[in-house]
Amino acid sequence: MNTEILSFEFEWYLRDYFFRINNRNDGEFKSMFDNDEICSFMKENYLKYRNWNMKEITELFSSVISDLHDRNVLIVKKDTRAVMLKSRFERKQCANCYYVNYLSTAESPNCHRCKSINLKDFPFKK
């Protein structure tokens, strides 16, 4: 499979992970995450990565984390093998292509698939 597609998909699952961790009922914002714990979680909890070995997951993780760092979404803590989120993630659905986006409040609100700015809360609030 194309490396660009693998990275795009892995980033979506990683953003989903950050969103879910920070939207638990306790309401406390968790900003620091251990790299090895994230990679283990991805392998254990997302069916897509269950048959992957940890080396494959770690390599893809490193690539995606570097890209998110370059886009100012998180900070890479190389000395502690951890990453730190700059802000919470919000879940939005694109009104044009219906893609579910997990966006940091520190980045521009554009759909990751079609680049539209026409995003709605997901699930829709009544």
N, C-alpha and C. Protein backbone atom coordinates (compact mmCIF):
# COMPACT_ATOMS: atom_id res chain seq x y z
N MET A 1 0.85 -1.19 0.00
CA MET A 1 0.00 0.00 0.00
C MET A 1 0.89 1.25 0.00
N ASN A 2 0.41 2.29 -0.58
CA ASN A 2 1.11 3.56 -0.68
C ASN A 2 1.42 4.12 0.71
N THR A 3 2.65 4.57 0.92
CA THR A 3 3.08 5.13 2.21
C THR A 3 2.26 6.35 2.60
N GLU A 4 1.91 7.17 1.62
CA GLU A 4 1.11 8.36 1.89
C GLU A 4 -0.27 7.99 2.43
N ILE A 5 -0.87 6.97 1.86
CA ILE A 5 -2.19 6.50 2.32
C ILE A 5 -2.07 5.91 3.72
N LEU A 6 -1.03 5.10 3.95
CA LEU A 6 -0.82 4.52 5.28
C LEU A 6 -0.66 5.61 6.33
N SER A 7 0.10 6.63 6.01
CA SER A 7 0.30 7.74 6.95
C SER A 7 -1.00 8.49 7.21
N PHE A 8 -1.76 8.75 6.16
CA PHE A 8 -3.04 9.45 6.28
C PHE A 8 -3.99 8.68 7.20
N GLU A 9 -4.09 7.37 6.98
CA GLU A 9 -4.98 6.53 7.81
C GLU A 9 -4.48 6.45 9.25
N PHE A 10 -3.18 6.27 9.42
CA PHE A 10 -2.63 6.17 10.78
C PHE A 10 -2.85 7.47 11.54
N GLU A 11 -2.69 8.59 10.86
CA GLU A 11 -2.92 9.88 11.51
C GLU A 11 -4.36 9.99 11.99
N TRP A 12 -5.31 9.51 11.18
CA TRP A 12 -6.72 9.56 11.57
C TRP A 12 -6.93 8.76 12.87
N TYR A 13 -6.39 7.54 12.92
CA TYR A 13 -6.53 6.71 14.12
C TYR A 13 -5.83 7.34 15.33
N LEU A 14 -4.69 7.95 15.10
CA LEU A 14 -3.97 8.61 16.19
C LEU A 14 -4.76 9.80 16.73
N ARG A 15 -5.33 10.60 15.85
CA ARG A 15 -6.17 11.73 16.26
C ARG A 15 -7.40 11.22 17.01
N ASP A 16 -7.97 10.12 16.54
CA ASP A 16 -9.12 9.50 17.22
C ASP A 16 -8.72 9.12 18.65
N TYR A 17 -7.56 8.53 18.80
CA TYR A 17 -7.05 8.14 20.12
C TYR A 17 -6.93 9.36 21.03
N PHE A 18 -6.28 10.43 20.56
CA PHE A 18 -6.13 11.63 21.38
C PHE A 18 -7.49 12.22 21.75
N PHE A 19 -8.41 12.23 20.80
CA PHE A 19 -9.76 12.76 21.05
C PHE A 19 -10.46 11.95 22.14
N ARG A 20 -10.43 10.63 22.00
CA ARG A 20 -11.14 9.77 22.96
C ARG A 20 -10.54 9.84 24.36
N ILE A 21 -9.23 9.88 24.47
CA ILE A 21 -8.58 9.99 25.78
C ILE A 21 -9.00 11.27 26.48
N ASN A 22 -9.10 12.36 25.73
CA ASN A 22 -9.41 13.66 26.34
C ASN A 22 -10.90 13.98 26.40
N ASN A 23 -11.74 13.08 25.99
CA ASN A 23 -13.18 13.32 26.09
C ASN A 23 -13.87 12.28 26.96
N ARG A 24 -13.10 11.73 27.87
CA ARG A 24 -13.68 10.84 28.87
C ARG A 24 -14.45 11.69 29.87
N ASN A 25 -15.20 11.06 30.71
CA ASN A 25 -16.07 11.77 31.64
C ASN A 25 -15.36 12.57 32.72
N ASP A 26 -14.08 12.29 32.99
CA ASP A 26 -13.41 13.01 34.07
C ASP A 26 -13.11 14.47 33.70
N GLY A 27 -13.11 14.80 32.41
CA GLY A 27 -12.97 16.17 31.97
C GLY A 27 -11.57 16.76 32.04
N GLU A 28 -10.62 16.03 32.61
CA GLU A 28 -9.25 16.53 32.75
C GLU A 28 -8.51 16.38 31.43
N PHE A 29 -7.80 17.43 31.02
CA PHE A 29 -7.05 17.41 29.77
C PHE A 29 -5.72 16.72 29.97
N LYS A 30 -5.49 15.64 29.25
CA LYS A 30 -4.22 14.94 29.30
C LYS A 30 -3.41 15.40 28.09
N SER A 31 -2.26 15.99 28.34
CA SER A 31 -1.47 16.52 27.23
C SER A 31 -0.22 15.69 26.94
N MET A 32 0.30 14.94 27.91
CA MET A 32 1.55 14.20 27.72
C MET A 32 1.24 12.71 27.49
N PHE A 33 1.84 12.15 26.43
CA PHE A 33 1.62 10.76 26.06
C PHE A 33 2.95 10.07 25.79
N ASP A 34 3.11 8.86 26.31
CA ASP A 34 4.30 8.06 26.09
C ASP A 34 4.21 7.39 24.71
N ASN A 35 5.25 7.52 23.91
CA ASN A 35 5.26 6.97 22.55
C ASN A 35 5.01 5.46 22.51
N ASP A 36 5.67 4.71 23.39
CA ASP A 36 5.53 3.26 23.40
C ASP A 36 4.11 2.85 23.79
N GLU A 37 3.52 3.56 24.74
CA GLU A 37 2.14 3.26 25.14
C GLU A 37 1.17 3.51 24.00
N ILE A 38 1.39 4.58 23.25
CA ILE A 38 0.51 4.89 22.12
C ILE A 38 0.60 3.78 21.08
N CYS A 39 1.81 3.38 20.74
CA CYS A 39 2.00 2.34 19.72
C CYS A 39 1.38 1.01 20.17
N SER A 40 1.54 0.66 21.43
CA SER A 40 0.92 -0.56 21.97
C SER A 40 -0.59 -0.46 21.91
N PHE A 41 -1.13 0.70 22.28
CA PHE A 41 -2.58 0.91 22.24
C PHE A 41 -3.10 0.74 20.81
N MET A 42 -2.39 1.32 19.85
CA MET A 42 -2.82 1.22 18.45
C MET A 42 -2.90 -0.24 18.02
N LYS A 43 -1.91 -1.03 18.37
CA LYS A 43 -1.86 -2.44 18.00
C LYS A 43 -2.97 -3.24 18.68
N GLU A 44 -3.21 -2.96 19.93
CA GLU A 44 -4.17 -3.74 20.72
C GLU A 44 -5.62 -3.34 20.47
N ASN A 45 -5.88 -2.08 20.13
CA ASN A 45 -7.26 -1.59 20.11
C ASN A 45 -7.83 -1.26 18.74
N TYR A 46 -7.00 -1.13 17.74
CA TYR A 46 -7.51 -0.85 16.40
C TYR A 46 -7.27 -2.08 15.54
N LEU A 47 -8.34 -2.71 15.11
CA LEU A 47 -8.29 -3.95 14.35
C LEU A 47 -7.34 -3.86 13.16
N LYS A 48 -7.29 -2.72 12.54
CA LYS A 48 -6.43 -2.51 11.36
C LYS A 48 -4.96 -2.83 11.65
N TYR A 49 -4.51 -2.61 12.88
CA TYR A 49 -3.09 -2.77 13.22
C TYR A 49 -2.77 -4.02 14.03
N ARG A 50 -3.75 -4.86 14.28
CA ARG A 50 -3.52 -6.05 15.12
C ARG A 50 -2.49 -7.01 14.54
N ASN A 51 -2.43 -7.14 13.23
CA ASN A 51 -1.49 -8.08 12.61
C ASN A 51 -0.16 -7.44 12.22
N TRP A 52 0.00 -6.19 12.56
CA TRP A 52 1.26 -5.51 12.28
C TRP A 52 2.24 -5.81 13.40
N ASN A 53 3.53 -5.78 13.09
CA ASN A 53 4.50 -5.92 14.17
C ASN A 53 4.79 -4.53 14.73
N MET A 54 5.36 -4.49 15.93
CA MET A 54 5.58 -3.21 16.60
C MET A 54 6.57 -2.32 15.85
N LYS A 55 7.51 -2.91 15.14
CA LYS A 55 8.47 -2.13 14.37
C LYS A 55 7.75 -1.32 13.28
N GLU A 56 6.81 -1.96 12.58
CA GLU A 56 6.05 -1.27 11.53
C GLU A 56 5.23 -0.12 12.12
N ILE A 57 4.57 -0.40 13.23
CA ILE A 57 3.74 0.62 13.87
C ILE A 57 4.62 1.78 14.37
N THR A 58 5.73 1.47 14.99
CA THR A 58 6.62 2.50 15.51
C THR A 58 7.18 3.39 14.40
N GLU A 59 7.55 2.79 13.28
CA GLU A 59 8.07 3.57 12.16
C GLU A 59 7.01 4.51 11.60
N LEU A 60 5.80 4.00 11.42
CA LEU A 60 4.71 4.83 10.91
C LEU A 60 4.35 5.92 11.92
N PHE A 61 4.33 5.56 13.19
CA PHE A 61 4.06 6.52 14.26
C PHE A 61 5.08 7.67 14.22
N SER A 62 6.35 7.34 14.10
CA SER A 62 7.40 8.36 14.07
C SER A 62 7.20 9.32 12.91
N SER A 63 6.84 8.80 11.77
CA SER A 63 6.61 9.63 10.59
C SER A 63 5.42 10.57 10.79
N VAL A 64 4.34 10.02 11.30
CA VAL A 64 3.12 10.82 11.51
C VAL A 64 3.34 11.86 12.60
N ILE A 65 4.00 11.49 13.68
CA ILE A 65 4.27 12.42 14.77
C ILE A 65 5.14 13.58 14.30
N SER A 66 6.11 13.27 13.48
CA SER A 66 6.98 14.31 12.93
C SER A 66 6.16 15.30 12.09
N ASP A 67 5.25 14.77 11.31
CA ASP A 67 4.39 15.63 10.48
C ASP A 67 3.46 16.48 11.34
N LEU A 68 2.89 15.90 12.38
CA LEU A 68 2.01 16.67 13.28
C LEU A 68 2.80 17.74 14.03
N HIS A 69 4.04 17.44 14.35
CA HIS A 69 4.91 18.43 14.99
C HIS A 69 5.16 19.59 14.02
N ASP A 70 5.44 19.27 12.76
CA ASP A 70 5.70 20.31 11.76
C ASP A 70 4.47 21.19 11.52
N ARG A 71 3.27 20.62 11.74
CA ARG A 71 2.03 21.37 11.56
C ARG A 71 1.58 22.05 12.86
N ASN A 72 2.44 22.03 13.88
CA ASN A 72 2.20 22.74 15.13
C ASN A 72 1.03 22.18 15.95
N VAL A 73 0.77 20.87 15.81
CA VAL A 73 -0.32 20.24 16.54
C VAL A 73 0.18 19.70 17.88
N LEU A 74 1.44 19.25 17.91
CA LEU A 74 1.99 18.69 19.14
C LEU A 74 3.49 18.97 19.23
N ILE A 75 4.02 18.68 20.39
CA ILE A 75 5.45 18.87 20.65
C ILE A 75 6.06 17.49 20.87
N VAL A 76 7.17 17.21 20.21
CA VAL A 76 7.87 15.94 20.38
C VAL A 76 8.92 16.13 21.48
N LYS A 77 8.82 15.30 22.51
CA LYS A 77 9.76 15.33 23.64
C LYS A 77 10.75 14.17 23.45
N LYS A 78 11.80 14.41 22.69
CA LYS A 78 12.75 13.34 22.34
C LYS A 78 13.47 12.78 23.56
N ASP A 79 13.76 13.61 24.54
CA ASP A 79 14.49 13.15 25.72
C ASP A 79 13.68 12.17 26.57
N THR A 80 12.37 12.24 26.51
CA THR A 80 11.52 11.36 27.32
C THR A 80 10.72 10.37 26.47
N ARG A 81 10.93 10.36 25.16
CA ARG A 81 10.17 9.51 24.24
C ARG A 81 8.66 9.70 24.46
N ALA A 82 8.26 10.95 24.42
CA ALA A 82 6.86 11.30 24.63
C ALA A 82 6.46 12.41 23.66
N VAL A 83 5.15 12.60 23.55
CA VAL A 83 4.62 13.72 22.78
C VAL A 83 3.67 14.49 23.68
N MET A 84 3.57 15.78 23.42
CA MET A 84 2.70 16.64 24.21
C MET A 84 1.76 17.38 23.27
N LEU A 85 0.46 17.25 23.52
CA LEU A 85 -0.52 17.96 22.71
C LEU A 85 -0.52 19.43 23.07
N LYS A 86 -0.72 20.26 22.07
CA LYS A 86 -0.82 21.70 22.32
C LYS A 86 -2.23 22.10 22.73
N SER A 87 -3.22 21.32 22.31
CA SER A 87 -4.61 21.62 22.67
C SER A 87 -5.47 20.38 22.49
N ARG A 88 -6.71 20.49 22.92
CA ARG A 88 -7.67 19.39 22.74
C ARG A 88 -7.99 19.20 21.27
N PHE A 89 -8.57 18.04 20.97
CA PHE A 89 -9.07 17.76 19.63
C PHE A 89 -10.59 17.83 19.63
N GLU A 90 -11.14 18.34 18.56
CA GLU A 90 -12.59 18.40 18.37
C GLU A 90 -12.94 17.50 17.20
N ARG A 91 -14.12 16.88 17.27
CA ARG A 91 -14.56 16.01 16.18
C ARG A 91 -15.57 16.77 15.33
N LYS A 92 -15.26 16.89 14.05
CA LYS A 92 -16.11 17.62 13.10
C LYS A 92 -16.33 16.75 11.86
N GLN A 93 -17.50 16.90 11.26
CA GLN A 93 -17.77 16.19 10.01
C GLN A 93 -17.88 17.20 8.88
N CYS A 94 -17.25 16.88 7.77
CA CYS A 94 -17.30 17.74 6.60
C CYS A 94 -18.69 17.67 5.98
N ALA A 95 -19.29 18.82 5.72
CA ALA A 95 -20.62 18.86 5.10
C ALA A 95 -20.55 18.54 3.61
N ASN A 96 -19.36 18.59 3.03
CA ASN A 96 -19.22 18.30 1.60
C ASN A 96 -18.96 16.82 1.33
N CYS A 97 -17.93 16.25 1.98
CA CYS A 97 -17.56 14.85 1.68
C CYS A 97 -17.91 13.88 2.82
N TYR A 98 -18.42 14.39 3.94
CA TYR A 98 -18.86 13.61 5.11
C TYR A 98 -17.74 12.92 5.88
N TYR A 99 -16.50 13.31 5.63
CA TYR A 99 -15.36 12.75 6.34
C TYR A 99 -15.37 13.25 7.78
N VAL A 100 -15.11 12.36 8.72
CA VAL A 100 -15.04 12.73 10.14
C VAL A 100 -13.60 13.14 10.45
N ASN A 101 -13.44 14.38 10.88
CA ASN A 101 -12.13 14.97 11.17
C ASN A 101 -11.95 15.13 12.67
N TYR A 102 -10.73 14.90 13.13
CA TYR A 102 -10.35 15.21 14.50
C TYR A 102 -9.34 16.34 14.40
N LEU A 103 -9.75 17.52 14.82
CA LEU A 103 -8.93 18.71 14.63
C LEU A 103 -8.49 19.29 15.96
N SER A 104 -7.22 19.62 16.03
CA SER A 104 -6.70 20.34 17.19
C SER A 104 -7.24 21.76 17.12
N THR A 105 -7.53 22.33 18.27
CA THR A 105 -8.00 23.72 18.26
C THR A 105 -6.88 24.67 17.85
N ALA A 106 -5.64 24.16 17.77
CA ALA A 106 -4.50 24.98 17.37
C ALA A 106 -4.29 25.01 15.85
N GLU A 107 -5.06 24.23 15.09
CA GLU A 107 -4.88 24.21 13.63
C GLU A 107 -6.10 24.76 12.91
N SER A 108 -5.92 25.08 11.65
CA SER A 108 -7.03 25.66 10.88
C SER A 108 -8.12 24.61 10.66
N PRO A 109 -9.38 25.03 10.73
CA PRO A 109 -10.50 24.09 10.62
C PRO A 109 -10.83 23.74 9.16
N ASN A 110 -10.02 22.90 8.57
CA ASN A 110 -10.25 22.43 7.21
C ASN A 110 -10.40 20.91 7.22
N CYS A 111 -11.22 20.41 6.32
CA CYS A 111 -11.37 18.97 6.17
C CYS A 111 -10.04 18.39 5.69
N HIS A 112 -9.62 17.30 6.31
CA HIS A 112 -8.37 16.67 5.92
C HIS A 112 -8.48 15.95 4.58
N ARG A 113 -9.68 15.61 4.16
CA ARG A 113 -9.84 14.90 2.89
C ARG A 113 -10.00 15.86 1.71
N CYS A 114 -10.98 16.79 1.81
CA CYS A 114 -11.29 17.64 0.65
C CYS A 114 -10.89 19.10 0.83
N LYS A 115 -10.36 19.44 2.01
CA LYS A 115 -9.88 20.79 2.33
C LYS A 115 -10.99 21.83 2.51
N SER A 116 -12.23 21.41 2.55
CA SER A 116 -13.36 22.32 2.75
C SER A 116 -13.31 22.93 4.15
N ILE A 117 -13.86 24.13 4.28
CA ILE A 117 -13.99 24.75 5.60
C ILE A 117 -15.41 24.58 6.15
N ASN A 118 -16.24 23.86 5.42
CA ASN A 118 -17.64 23.65 5.78
C ASN A 118 -17.76 22.43 6.71
N LEU A 119 -17.38 22.63 7.98
CA LEU A 119 -17.38 21.55 8.96
C LEU A 119 -18.49 21.74 10.00
N LYS A 120 -19.08 20.64 10.40
CA LYS A 120 -20.16 20.65 11.38
C LYS A 120 -19.75 19.80 12.59
N ASP A 121 -20.32 20.12 13.76
CA ASP A 121 -20.08 19.29 14.93
C ASP A 121 -20.53 17.86 14.67
N PHE A 122 -19.81 16.89 15.20
CA PHE A 122 -20.16 15.49 15.04
C PHE A 122 -19.98 14.79 16.37
N PRO A 123 -20.97 14.06 16.85
CA PRO A 123 -22.30 13.96 16.25
C PRO A 123 -23.03 15.29 16.34
N PHE A 124 -23.99 15.44 15.49
CA PHE A 124 -24.71 16.71 15.41
C PHE A 124 -25.41 17.01 16.72
N LYS A 125 -25.24 18.23 17.19
CA LYS A 125 -25.87 18.66 18.43
C LYS A 125 -27.25 19.20 18.12
N LYS A 126 -28.21 18.81 18.96
CA LYS A 126 -29.61 19.23 18.72
C LYS A 126 -29.92 20.51 19.44
